[in-house]
Amino acid sequence: MKRTASDIVRAFARKLSDGDLEFVRTRLIERLSGDWANCLDFLQKNIEMDRLILSAIDVGEFYKIMDMIEEAVVAEVGRRSHGHSRYENHFNR
């Protein structure tokens, strides 16, 4: 069975270290100058994420994919902070 884009993004977020998860989360949420470029450089290192982003057929789909990634990363931060109290101080600054 072929994995959906959502499955790929959620699996990617689950595999990230705490530091990498925080890096991606802040780049996608804050969107300061250069943040997306830094984040895309990081994401392209994962072949599945690179393929997913490259699959966008237009700018609108690219933004949908980036929003999906942001939602998965934020959800993973929430999952970790609820499951492990030690993450609360790290992610809820």
N, C-alpha and C. Protein backbone atom coordinates (compact mmCIF):
# COMPACT_ATOMS: atom_id res chain seq x y z
N MET A 1 0.84 -1.18 0.00
CA MET A 1 0.00 0.00 0.00
C MET A 1 0.89 1.25 0.00
N LYS A 2 0.56 2.18 -0.86
CA LYS A 2 1.33 3.40 -0.98
C LYS A 2 1.02 4.34 0.19
N ARG A 3 2.07 4.91 0.76
CA ARG A 3 1.88 5.85 1.87
C ARG A 3 1.41 7.20 1.34
N THR A 4 0.52 7.81 2.10
CA THR A 4 0.03 9.14 1.72
C THR A 4 1.03 10.20 2.13
N ALA A 5 0.86 11.39 1.59
CA ALA A 5 1.72 12.51 1.97
C ALA A 5 1.65 12.76 3.47
N SER A 6 0.45 12.66 4.01
CA SER A 6 0.26 12.86 5.45
C SER A 6 1.03 11.81 6.26
N ASP A 7 1.01 10.56 5.81
CA ASP A 7 1.76 9.49 6.49
C ASP A 7 3.26 9.78 6.47
N ILE A 8 3.75 10.22 5.33
CA ILE A 8 5.18 10.52 5.18
C ILE A 8 5.59 11.64 6.13
N VAL A 9 4.78 12.68 6.17
CA VAL A 9 5.10 13.84 7.00
C VAL A 9 5.06 13.48 8.49
N ARG A 10 4.03 12.76 8.90
CA ARG A 10 3.93 12.36 10.32
C ARG A 10 5.09 11.46 10.73
N ALA A 11 5.46 10.51 9.87
CA ALA A 11 6.58 9.61 10.17
C ALA A 11 7.88 10.40 10.27
N PHE A 12 8.06 11.35 9.39
CA PHE A 12 9.26 12.19 9.43
C PHE A 12 9.33 12.96 10.75
N ALA A 13 8.23 13.58 11.15
CA ALA A 13 8.21 14.36 12.39
C ALA A 13 8.50 13.48 13.60
N ARG A 14 7.97 12.26 13.61
CA ARG A 14 8.19 11.35 14.74
C ARG A 14 9.66 10.95 14.87
N LYS A 15 10.37 10.89 13.76
CA LYS A 15 11.77 10.45 13.78
C LYS A 15 12.76 11.55 14.14
N LEU A 16 12.32 12.79 14.13
CA LEU A 16 13.22 13.90 14.41
C LEU A 16 13.68 13.91 15.87
N SER A 17 14.91 14.31 16.07
CA SER A 17 15.39 14.52 17.44
C SER A 17 14.67 15.75 18.00
N ASP A 18 14.74 15.94 19.29
CA ASP A 18 14.11 17.11 19.90
C ASP A 18 14.65 18.41 19.31
N GLY A 19 15.96 18.47 19.12
CA GLY A 19 16.57 19.67 18.57
C GLY A 19 16.15 19.94 17.14
N ASP A 20 16.11 18.89 16.31
CA ASP A 20 15.69 19.06 14.93
C ASP A 20 14.20 19.42 14.84
N LEU A 21 13.41 18.82 15.70
CA LEU A 21 11.98 19.13 15.74
C LEU A 21 11.77 20.60 16.08
N GLU A 22 12.50 21.09 17.06
CA GLU A 22 12.40 22.50 17.44
C GLU A 22 12.89 23.41 16.31
N PHE A 23 13.96 23.02 15.62
CA PHE A 23 14.48 23.79 14.50
C PHE A 23 13.41 23.95 13.42
N VAL A 24 12.81 22.84 13.00
CA VAL A 24 11.80 22.89 11.95
C VAL A 24 10.57 23.67 12.42
N ARG A 25 10.14 23.42 13.65
CA ARG A 25 8.95 24.11 14.18
C ARG A 25 9.13 25.62 14.17
N THR A 26 10.25 26.09 14.68
CA THR A 26 10.44 27.54 14.75
C THR A 26 10.57 28.15 13.36
N ARG A 27 11.24 27.45 12.44
CA ARG A 27 11.39 28.00 11.09
C ARG A 27 10.04 28.10 10.38
N LEU A 28 9.18 27.11 10.57
CA LEU A 28 7.89 27.12 9.88
C LEU A 28 6.89 28.07 10.53
N ILE A 29 6.95 28.22 11.82
CA ILE A 29 5.98 29.08 12.51
C ILE A 29 6.39 30.55 12.44
N GLU A 30 7.64 30.84 12.74
CA GLU A 30 8.07 32.24 12.80
C GLU A 30 8.26 32.87 11.43
N ARG A 31 8.74 32.10 10.48
CA ARG A 31 8.91 32.55 9.09
C ARG A 31 9.63 33.89 8.98
N LEU A 32 10.72 34.00 9.70
CA LEU A 32 11.55 35.19 9.60
C LEU A 32 12.40 35.09 8.34
N SER A 33 13.10 36.13 8.02
CA SER A 33 13.94 36.16 6.83
C SER A 33 14.90 34.97 6.82
N GLY A 34 14.83 34.19 5.78
CA GLY A 34 15.71 33.05 5.64
C GLY A 34 15.25 31.78 6.31
N ASP A 35 14.20 31.85 7.14
CA ASP A 35 13.76 30.66 7.86
C ASP A 35 13.31 29.53 6.93
N TRP A 36 12.51 29.87 5.93
CA TRP A 36 12.03 28.81 5.04
C TRP A 36 13.18 28.21 4.24
N ALA A 37 14.11 29.03 3.81
CA ALA A 37 15.27 28.51 3.08
C ALA A 37 16.05 27.53 3.95
N ASN A 38 16.29 27.90 5.20
CA ASN A 38 16.99 27.01 6.13
C ASN A 38 16.21 25.73 6.35
N CYS A 39 14.91 25.86 6.51
CA CYS A 39 14.07 24.70 6.75
C CYS A 39 14.05 23.78 5.53
N LEU A 40 13.91 24.35 4.34
CA LEU A 40 13.90 23.54 3.11
C LEU A 40 15.23 22.84 2.90
N ASP A 41 16.33 23.51 3.22
CA ASP A 41 17.64 22.86 3.15
C ASP A 41 17.69 21.64 4.06
N PHE A 42 17.12 21.77 5.25
CA PHE A 42 17.08 20.66 6.19
C PHE A 42 16.15 19.55 5.69
N LEU A 43 14.96 19.91 5.22
CA LEU A 43 13.98 18.92 4.78
C LEU A 43 14.46 18.13 3.58
N GLN A 44 15.18 18.76 2.68
CA GLN A 44 15.61 18.07 1.46
C GLN A 44 16.63 16.98 1.73
N LYS A 45 17.21 16.96 2.92
CA LYS A 45 18.17 15.92 3.27
C LYS A 45 17.48 14.57 3.48
N ASN A 46 16.17 14.60 3.72
CA ASN A 46 15.38 13.38 3.83
C ASN A 46 14.75 13.12 2.47
N ILE A 47 15.06 11.98 1.87
CA ILE A 47 14.65 11.71 0.50
C ILE A 47 13.14 11.72 0.31
N GLU A 48 12.40 11.18 1.29
CA GLU A 48 10.94 11.19 1.16
C GLU A 48 10.37 12.60 1.24
N MET A 49 10.92 13.40 2.13
CA MET A 49 10.44 14.78 2.24
C MET A 49 10.82 15.57 1.00
N ASP A 50 12.01 15.34 0.48
CA ASP A 50 12.45 16.02 -0.74
C ASP A 50 11.51 15.68 -1.90
N ARG A 51 11.20 14.41 -2.05
CA ARG A 51 10.29 13.99 -3.13
C ARG A 51 8.90 14.59 -2.95
N LEU A 52 8.43 14.61 -1.71
CA LEU A 52 7.11 15.18 -1.44
C LEU A 52 7.07 16.66 -1.82
N ILE A 53 8.05 17.41 -1.39
CA ILE A 53 8.07 18.85 -1.71
C ILE A 53 8.21 19.06 -3.22
N LEU A 54 9.03 18.26 -3.87
CA LEU A 54 9.21 18.39 -5.32
C LEU A 54 7.97 17.97 -6.10
N SER A 55 7.07 17.24 -5.46
CA SER A 55 5.86 16.80 -6.15
C SER A 55 4.83 17.91 -6.34
N ALA A 56 5.03 19.03 -5.66
CA ALA A 56 4.08 20.15 -5.79
C ALA A 56 4.05 20.61 -7.25
N ILE A 57 2.84 20.69 -7.80
CA ILE A 57 2.72 21.08 -9.21
C ILE A 57 2.61 22.58 -9.40
N ASP A 58 2.35 23.30 -8.30
CA ASP A 58 2.29 24.75 -8.38
C ASP A 58 2.53 25.34 -6.99
N VAL A 59 2.56 26.64 -6.92
CA VAL A 59 2.84 27.31 -5.65
C VAL A 59 1.79 26.99 -4.60
N GLY A 60 0.53 26.92 -5.02
CA GLY A 60 -0.54 26.61 -4.07
C GLY A 60 -0.33 25.25 -3.42
N GLU A 61 0.05 24.26 -4.20
CA GLU A 61 0.29 22.93 -3.65
C GLU A 61 1.54 22.93 -2.77
N PHE A 62 2.55 23.69 -3.15
CA PHE A 62 3.75 23.81 -2.32
C PHE A 62 3.37 24.32 -0.93
N TYR A 63 2.55 25.37 -0.87
CA TYR A 63 2.14 25.91 0.43
C TYR A 63 1.29 24.91 1.21
N LYS A 64 0.46 24.14 0.53
CA LYS A 64 -0.33 23.10 1.22
C LYS A 64 0.60 22.07 1.85
N ILE A 65 1.62 21.67 1.12
CA ILE A 65 2.58 20.70 1.65
C ILE A 65 3.32 21.28 2.85
N MET A 66 3.76 22.52 2.74
CA MET A 66 4.47 23.16 3.85
C MET A 66 3.56 23.31 5.07
N ASP A 67 2.29 23.62 4.84
CA ASP A 67 1.33 23.69 5.95
C ASP A 67 1.14 22.32 6.59
N MET A 68 1.11 21.27 5.77
CA MET A 68 0.97 19.91 6.29
C MET A 68 2.17 19.55 7.16
N ILE A 69 3.36 19.94 6.71
CA ILE A 69 4.57 19.68 7.48
C ILE A 69 4.52 20.44 8.81
N GLU A 70 4.12 21.71 8.75
CA GLU A 70 4.01 22.50 9.97
C GLU A 70 3.03 21.87 10.95
N GLU A 71 1.87 21.45 10.47
CA GLU A 71 0.86 20.83 11.33
C GLU A 71 1.39 19.55 11.97
N ALA A 72 2.11 18.73 11.20
CA ALA A 72 2.65 17.48 11.74
C ALA A 72 3.72 17.74 12.79
N VAL A 73 4.56 18.73 12.55
CA VAL A 73 5.62 19.06 13.50
C VAL A 73 5.03 19.62 14.79
N VAL A 74 4.06 20.52 14.67
CA VAL A 74 3.42 21.08 15.86
C VAL A 74 2.70 19.97 16.64
N ALA A 75 2.04 19.06 15.93
CA ALA A 75 1.36 17.93 16.60
C ALA A 75 2.36 17.04 17.32
N GLU A 76 3.53 16.81 16.72
CA GLU A 76 4.55 15.98 17.35
C GLU A 76 5.11 16.66 18.59
N VAL A 77 5.30 17.96 18.53
CA VAL A 77 5.74 18.70 19.73
C VAL A 77 4.70 18.53 20.83
N GLY A 78 3.44 18.67 20.49
CA GLY A 78 2.37 18.49 21.47
C GLY A 78 2.34 17.08 22.03
N ARG A 79 2.50 16.08 21.17
CA ARG A 79 2.50 14.69 21.61
C ARG A 79 3.65 14.44 22.58
N ARG A 80 4.82 14.96 22.25
CA ARG A 80 5.97 14.75 23.13
C ARG A 80 5.82 15.51 24.44
N SER A 81 5.28 16.70 24.39
CA SER A 81 5.16 17.47 25.63
C SER A 81 4.10 16.89 26.55
N HIS A 82 3.07 16.28 26.00
CA HIS A 82 2.04 15.66 26.84
C HIS A 82 2.50 14.32 27.39
N GLY A 83 3.29 13.62 26.60
CA GLY A 83 3.74 12.30 27.01
C GLY A 83 4.94 12.33 27.92
N HIS A 84 5.72 13.40 27.85
CA HIS A 84 6.95 13.47 28.62
C HIS A 84 7.09 14.88 29.16
N SER A 85 6.96 15.03 30.46
CA SER A 85 7.01 16.37 31.05
C SER A 85 8.33 17.08 30.82
N ARG A 86 9.42 16.34 30.57
CA ARG A 86 10.72 16.98 30.38
C ARG A 86 10.76 17.82 29.12
N TYR A 87 9.84 17.57 28.16
CA TYR A 87 9.81 18.35 26.92
C TYR A 87 9.09 19.68 27.09
N GLU A 88 8.27 19.81 28.11
CA GLU A 88 7.46 21.01 28.25
C GLU A 88 8.32 22.27 28.30
N ASN A 89 9.35 22.29 29.09
CA ASN A 89 10.18 23.49 29.19
C ASN A 89 10.93 23.75 27.90
N HIS A 90 11.31 22.69 27.20
CA HIS A 90 12.08 22.86 25.97
C HIS A 90 11.23 23.45 24.85
N PHE A 91 10.00 22.98 24.70
CA PHE A 91 9.17 23.40 23.56
C PHE A 91 8.26 24.57 23.88
N ASN A 92 7.97 24.83 25.11
CA ASN A 92 7.02 25.89 25.45
C ASN A 92 7.74 27.11 26.01
N ARG A 93 8.62 27.65 25.23
CA ARG A 93 9.39 28.83 25.67
C ARG A 93 8.61 30.08 25.45
